[in-house]
């Protein structure tokens, strides 16, 4: 009886090994990695290579607030250093402030919250020692995040979205309800 089990075990082992060998690609099948074959994105770059780097002009930071920035709904504390800012779409902006230290960042955070009259919703600490929260009030919602930097400074990032129909959604140009009669 032992002979039958040995033969059965050997047959199973050979069957599994043979089946697995059939799944492996044969040497020479298809191009070598990085040999110019199209990847799933249609590029002929090697999968391990870095994509083309952005130019300095593409990554240049803007420190001038967009004309449409909702300054009344999101007042920027006096003396705050703008690291980057811009308009993502109509009624959507981003603002990044830079603080020299975690203490200065905490002060800026508190000034933004109190100066803007925001309610802090879902506050949490991040794994890198920063903090995150949603800042909310009628007419605007802000996703806020602090990002500690290796040099000891801290970036305070704000994604600002004006509610539809609010003054900030149309920009701060005052175009909504300007003057004249409707006809």
C-alpha atoms as a PDB file:
ATOM      1  CA  UNK A   1       0.000   0.000   0.000  1.00  0.00           C
ATOM      2  CA  UNK A   2       2.873   2.361   0.646  1.00  0.00           C
ATOM      3  CA  UNK A   3       3.904   2.039  -2.997  1.00  0.00           C
ATOM      4  CA  UNK A   4       0.498   3.268  -4.204  1.00  0.00           C
ATOM      5  CA  UNK A   5       0.685   6.340  -1.958  1.00  0.00           C
ATOM      6  CA  UNK A   6       4.216   7.129  -3.126  1.00  0.00           C
ATOM      7  CA  UNK A   7       3.176   6.881  -6.774  1.00  0.00           C
ATOM      8  CA  UNK A   8       0.095   9.035  -6.098  1.00  0.00           C
ATOM      9  CA  UNK A   9       2.143  11.663  -4.229  1.00  0.00           C
ATOM     10  CA  UNK A  10       4.762  11.705  -7.003  1.00  0.00           C
ATOM     11  CA  UNK A  11       2.077  12.121  -9.680  1.00  0.00           C
ATOM     12  CA  UNK A  12       0.461  14.977  -7.772  1.00  0.00           C
ATOM     13  CA  UNK A  13       3.810  16.707  -7.260  1.00  0.00           C
ATOM     14  CA  UNK A  14       4.675  16.443 -10.948  1.00  0.00           C
ATOM     15  CA  UNK A  15       1.211  17.651 -11.962  1.00  0.00           C
ATOM     16  CA  UNK A  16       1.397  20.733  -9.723  1.00  0.00           C
ATOM     17  CA  UNK A  17       4.947  21.542 -10.820  1.00  0.00           C
ATOM     18  CA  UNK A  18       4.098  21.089 -14.480  1.00  0.00           C
ATOM     19  CA  UNK A  19       0.979  23.223 -14.112  1.00  0.00           C
ATOM     20  CA  UNK A  20       2.907  26.048 -12.471  1.00  0.00           C
ATOM     21  CA  UNK A  21       5.633  25.926 -15.082  1.00  0.00           C
ATOM     22  CA  UNK A  22       2.997  26.470 -17.755  1.00  0.00           C
ATOM     23  CA  UNK A  23       2.033  29.782 -16.113  1.00  0.00           C
ATOM     24  CA  UNK A  24       5.505  31.299 -16.230  1.00  0.00           C
ATOM     25  CA  UNK A  25       6.537  33.308 -19.311  1.00  0.00           C
ATOM     26  CA  UNK A  26       9.119  31.695 -21.540  1.00  0.00           C
ATOM     27  CA  UNK A  27      12.464  33.420 -21.919  1.00  0.00           C
ATOM     28  CA  UNK A  28      12.362  35.573 -25.010  1.00  0.00           C
ATOM     29  CA  UNK A  29       8.562  36.029 -24.908  1.00  0.00           C
ATOM     30  CA  UNK A  30       7.917  39.725 -25.452  1.00  0.00           C
ATOM     31  CA  UNK A  31      10.369  42.568 -25.091  1.00  0.00           C
ATOM     32  CA  UNK A  32      12.749  42.912 -22.196  1.00  0.00           C
ATOM     33  CA  UNK A  33      11.614  45.380 -19.510  1.00  0.00           C
ATOM     34  CA  UNK A  34      12.301  48.914 -20.673  1.00  0.00           C
ATOM     35  CA  UNK A  35      13.025  47.812 -24.249  1.00  0.00           C
ATOM     36  CA  UNK A  36      10.551  50.222 -25.800  1.00  0.00           C
ATOM     37  CA  UNK A  37       7.320  48.243 -25.566  1.00  0.00           C
ATOM     38  CA  UNK A  38       4.194  50.271 -24.830  1.00  0.00           C
ATOM     39  CA  UNK A  39       3.098  50.147 -21.220  1.00  0.00           C
ATOM     40  CA  UNK A  40      -0.535  50.319 -20.136  1.00  0.00           C
ATOM     41  CA  UNK A  41      -0.506  54.128 -20.413  1.00  0.00           C
ATOM     42  CA  UNK A  42       0.613  53.975 -24.044  1.00  0.00           C
ATOM     43  CA  UNK A  43       4.096  55.289 -23.258  1.00  0.00           C
ATOM     44  CA  UNK A  44       7.276  53.645 -24.463  1.00  0.00           C
ATOM     45  CA  UNK A  45       9.158  54.708 -21.326  1.00  0.00           C
ATOM     46  CA  UNK A  46      10.586  51.932 -19.225  1.00  0.00           C
ATOM     47  CA  UNK A  47       8.221  51.186 -16.340  1.00  0.00           C
ATOM     48  CA  UNK A  48      10.965  51.901 -13.831  1.00  0.00           C
ATOM     49  CA  UNK A  49      11.944  55.286 -15.281  1.00  0.00           C
ATOM     50  CA  UNK A  50      10.866  58.644 -13.910  1.00  0.00           C
ATOM     51  CA  UNK A  51       8.428  60.627 -16.020  1.00  0.00           C
ATOM     52  CA  UNK A  52       9.598  63.860 -17.565  1.00  0.00           C
ATOM     53  CA  UNK A  53      10.107  66.473 -14.877  1.00  0.00           C
ATOM     54  CA  UNK A  54       8.048  69.662 -14.857  1.00  0.00           C
ATOM     55  CA  UNK A  55       9.802  72.825 -15.931  1.00  0.00           C
ATOM     56  CA  UNK A  56      10.578  75.602 -13.467  1.00  0.00           C
ATOM     57  CA  UNK A  57       7.836  77.719 -15.065  1.00  0.00           C
ATOM     58  CA  UNK A  58       5.265  74.950 -14.452  1.00  0.00           C
ATOM     59  CA  UNK A  59       6.191  74.617 -10.776  1.00  0.00           C
ATOM     60  CA  UNK A  60       6.654  78.327 -10.047  1.00  0.00           C
ATOM     61  CA  UNK A  61       4.746  79.379  -6.959  1.00  0.00           C
ATOM     62  CA  UNK A  62       2.391  82.330  -6.973  1.00  0.00           C
ATOM     63  CA  UNK A  63       2.317  84.618  -3.953  1.00  0.00           C
ATOM     64  CA  UNK A  64      -0.224  87.116  -5.335  1.00  0.00           C
ATOM     65  CA  UNK A  65      -3.832  86.399  -4.363  1.00  0.00           C
ATOM     66  CA  UNK A  66      -6.117  85.851  -7.337  1.00  0.00           C
ATOM     67  CA  UNK A  67      -8.431  88.781  -7.973  1.00  0.00           C
ATOM     68  CA  UNK A  68     -11.424  86.551  -7.187  1.00  0.00           C
ATOM     69  CA  UNK A  69     -10.045  85.347  -3.817  1.00  0.00           C
ATOM     70  CA  UNK A  70     -12.778  85.663  -1.129  1.00  0.00           C
ATOM     71  CA  UNK A  71     -10.893  87.952   1.266  1.00  0.00           C
ATOM     72  CA  UNK A  72     -14.066  88.800   3.200  1.00  0.00           C
ATOM     73  CA  UNK A  73     -14.932  85.147   3.817  1.00  0.00           C
ATOM     74  CA  UNK A  74     -11.337  84.025   4.395  1.00  0.00           C
ATOM     75  CA  UNK A  75      -9.362  86.891   5.916  1.00  0.00           C
ATOM     76  CA  UNK A  76      -5.606  86.344   5.917  1.00  0.00           C
ATOM     77  CA  UNK A  77      -3.893  87.273   9.199  1.00  0.00           C
ATOM     78  CA  UNK A  78      -1.715  90.394   9.083  1.00  0.00           C
ATOM     79  CA  UNK A  79       1.923  89.553   8.464  1.00  0.00           C
ATOM     80  CA  UNK A  80       1.203  86.021   7.206  1.00  0.00           C
ATOM     81  CA  UNK A  81       3.711  84.824   4.602  1.00  0.00           C
ATOM     82  CA  UNK A  82       2.003  83.432   1.481  1.00  0.00           C
ATOM     83  CA  UNK A  83       3.969  80.471   0.106  1.00  0.00           C
ATOM     84  CA  UNK A  84       1.595  79.727  -2.792  1.00  0.00           C
ATOM     85  CA  UNK A  85      -1.939  80.562  -3.868  1.00  0.00           C
ATOM     86  CA  UNK A  86      -4.262  80.250  -6.816  1.00  0.00           C
ATOM     87  CA  UNK A  87      -7.727  79.618  -8.171  1.00  0.00           C
ATOM     88  CA  UNK A  88      -8.558  75.985  -9.004  1.00  0.00           C
ATOM     89  CA  UNK A  89     -11.914  76.761 -10.638  1.00  0.00           C
ATOM     90  CA  UNK A  90     -14.747  79.255 -10.239  1.00  0.00           C
ATOM     91  CA  UNK A  91     -15.470  79.376  -6.508  1.00  0.00           C
ATOM     92  CA  UNK A  92     -12.449  77.222  -5.543  1.00  0.00           C
ATOM     93  CA  UNK A  93      -9.097  78.493  -4.321  1.00  0.00           C
ATOM     94  CA  UNK A  94      -6.016  77.260  -2.524  1.00  0.00           C
ATOM     95  CA  UNK A  95      -3.790  79.155  -0.149  1.00  0.00           C
ATOM     96  CA  UNK A  96      -0.551  77.974   1.441  1.00  0.00           C
ATOM     97  CA  UNK A  97       0.944  80.017   4.267  1.00  0.00           C
ATOM     98  CA  UNK A  98       4.425  79.451   5.703  1.00  0.00           C
ATOM     99  CA  UNK A  99       5.287  79.722   9.397  1.00  0.00           C
ATOM    100  CA  UNK A 100       8.843  79.684  10.770  1.00  0.00           C
ATOM    101  CA  UNK A 101       8.036  77.251  13.597  1.00  0.00           C
ATOM    102  CA  UNK A 102       5.302  74.955  14.911  1.00  0.00           C
ATOM    103  CA  UNK A 103       4.420  77.608  17.504  1.00  0.00           C
ATOM    104  CA  UNK A 104       4.048  80.302  14.828  1.00  0.00           C
ATOM    105  CA  UNK A 105       1.924  77.855  12.779  1.00  0.00           C
ATOM    106  CA  UNK A 106      -0.376  77.243  15.753  1.00  0.00           C
ATOM    107  CA  UNK A 107      -0.807  81.001  16.161  1.00  0.00           C
ATOM    108  CA  UNK A 108      -1.582  81.447  12.444  1.00  0.00           C
ATOM    109  CA  UNK A 109      -4.062  78.541  12.571  1.00  0.00           C
ATOM    110  CA  UNK A 110      -5.866  80.136  15.522  1.00  0.00           C
ATOM    111  CA  UNK A 111      -5.899  83.557  13.807  1.00  0.00           C
ATOM    112  CA  UNK A 112      -7.427  82.060  10.640  1.00  0.00           C
ATOM    113  CA  UNK A 113     -10.116  80.263  12.663  1.00  0.00           C
ATOM    114  CA  UNK A 114     -11.020  83.218  14.891  1.00  0.00           C
ATOM    115  CA  UNK A 115     -10.549  85.947  12.259  1.00  0.00           C
ATOM    116  CA  UNK A 116     -12.712  84.087   9.767  1.00  0.00           C
ATOM    117  CA  UNK A 117     -15.357  83.076  12.303  1.00  0.00           C
ATOM    118  CA  UNK A 118     -14.933  79.409  11.400  1.00  0.00           C
ATOM    119  CA  UNK A 119     -16.223  76.372  13.238  1.00  0.00           C
ATOM    120  CA  UNK A 120     -13.554  73.653  13.443  1.00  0.00           C
ATOM    121  CA  UNK A 121     -15.044  70.326  12.346  1.00  0.00           C
ATOM    122  CA  UNK A 122     -13.369  66.904  12.618  1.00  0.00           C
ATOM    123  CA  UNK A 123      -9.974  68.055  13.904  1.00  0.00           C
ATOM    124  CA  UNK A 124      -7.234  65.416  13.884  1.00  0.00           C
ATOM    125  CA  UNK A 125      -3.481  65.091  14.162  1.00  0.00           C
ATOM    126  CA  UNK A 126      -1.512  63.773  11.215  1.00  0.00           C
ATOM    127  CA  UNK A 127       1.202  61.144  11.453  1.00  0.00           C
ATOM    128  CA  UNK A 128       3.939  63.697  10.814  1.00  0.00           C
ATOM    129  CA  UNK A 129       2.963  65.991  13.696  1.00  0.00           C
ATOM    130  CA  UNK A 130       0.668  68.244  11.688  1.00  0.00           C
ATOM    131  CA  UNK A 131      -3.038  68.754  12.074  1.00  0.00           C
ATOM    132  CA  UNK A 132      -6.062  68.670   9.823  1.00  0.00           C
ATOM    133  CA  UNK A 133      -9.645  69.883  10.079  1.00  0.00           C
ATOM    134  CA  UNK A 134     -12.536  71.259   8.122  1.00  0.00           C
ATOM    135  CA  UNK A 135     -13.218  74.932   8.782  1.00  0.00           C
ATOM    136  CA  UNK A 136     -16.858  75.738   8.169  1.00  0.00           C
ATOM    137  CA  UNK A 137     -19.170  78.708   8.164  1.00  0.00           C
ATOM    138  CA  UNK A 138     -22.093  79.816   6.072  1.00  0.00           C
ATOM    139  CA  UNK A 139     -21.054  80.384   2.466  1.00  0.00           C
ATOM    140  CA  UNK A 140     -17.630  78.692   2.588  1.00  0.00           C
ATOM    141  CA  UNK A 141     -15.961  75.435   3.555  1.00  0.00           C
ATOM    142  CA  UNK A 142     -12.219  75.023   3.988  1.00  0.00           C
ATOM    143  CA  UNK A 143     -10.067  71.891   4.166  1.00  0.00           C
ATOM    144  CA  UNK A 144      -7.135  72.852   6.379  1.00  0.00           C
ATOM    145  CA  UNK A 145      -3.861  70.990   6.878  1.00  0.00           C
ATOM    146  CA  UNK A 146      -0.514  71.787   8.464  1.00  0.00           C
ATOM    147  CA  UNK A 147       2.606  70.215   6.988  1.00  0.00           C
ATOM    148  CA  UNK A 148       5.762  70.275   9.124  1.00  0.00           C
ATOM    149  CA  UNK A 149       8.899  70.710   6.999  1.00  0.00           C
ATOM    150  CA  UNK A 150      12.370  69.261   7.536  1.00  0.00           C
ATOM    151  CA  UNK A 151      13.821  72.754   8.189  1.00  0.00           C
ATOM    152  CA  UNK A 152      11.469  73.293  11.162  1.00  0.00           C
ATOM    153  CA  UNK A 153       9.039  75.530   9.280  1.00  0.00           C
ATOM    154  CA  UNK A 154       5.399  74.579   8.793  1.00  0.00           C
ATOM    155  CA  UNK A 155       3.158  74.996   5.757  1.00  0.00           C
ATOM    156  CA  UNK A 156      -0.511  75.729   6.394  1.00  0.00           C
ATOM    157  CA  UNK A 157      -2.558  74.570   3.416  1.00  0.00           C
ATOM    158  CA  UNK A 158      -6.137  75.715   2.864  1.00  0.00           C
ATOM    159  CA  UNK A 159      -8.473  74.495   0.101  1.00  0.00           C
ATOM    160  CA  UNK A 160     -11.362  76.957   0.023  1.00  0.00           C
ATOM    161  CA  UNK A 161     -14.718  76.235  -1.622  1.00  0.00           C
ATOM    162  CA  UNK A 162     -17.464  78.850  -1.774  1.00  0.00           C
ATOM    163  CA  UNK A 163     -21.015  77.599  -1.535  1.00  0.00           C
ATOM    164  CA  UNK A 164     -23.059  78.043  -4.694  1.00  0.00           C
ATOM    165  CA  UNK A 165     -24.844  81.358  -4.666  1.00  0.00           C
ATOM    166  CA  UNK A 166     -22.542  82.937  -2.090  1.00  0.00           C
ATOM    167  CA  UNK A 167     -20.687  86.168  -2.811  1.00  0.00           C
ATOM    168  CA  UNK A 168     -17.363  84.280  -2.870  1.00  0.00           C
ATOM    169  CA  UNK A 169     -18.626  81.877  -5.534  1.00  0.00           C
ATOM    170  CA  UNK A 170     -18.944  84.769  -7.973  1.00  0.00           C
ATOM    171  CA  UNK A 171     -15.608  86.197  -6.876  1.00  0.00           C
ATOM    172  CA  UNK A 172     -15.071  89.368  -4.916  1.00  0.00           C
ATOM    173  CA  UNK A 173     -15.702  91.631  -7.874  1.00  0.00           C
ATOM    174  CA  UNK A 174     -19.162  92.590  -6.659  1.00  0.00           C
ATOM    175  CA  UNK A 175     -20.780  91.594  -9.963  1.00  0.00           C
ATOM    176  CA  UNK A 176     -23.673  89.846  -8.283  1.00  0.00           C
ATOM    177  CA  UNK A 177     -26.591  92.220  -7.786  1.00  0.00           C
ATOM    178  CA  UNK A 178     -24.656  95.201  -9.109  1.00  0.00           C
ATOM    179  CA  UNK A 179     -27.149  97.723 -10.413  1.00  0.00           C
ATOM    180  CA  UNK A 180     -29.787  98.451 -13.008  1.00  0.00           C
ATOM    181  CA  UNK A 181     -33.207  97.037 -13.570  1.00  0.00           C
ATOM    182  CA  UNK A 182     -34.009  93.677 -15.008  1.00  0.00           C
ATOM    183  CA  UNK A 183     -35.876  93.688 -18.238  1.00  0.00           C
END
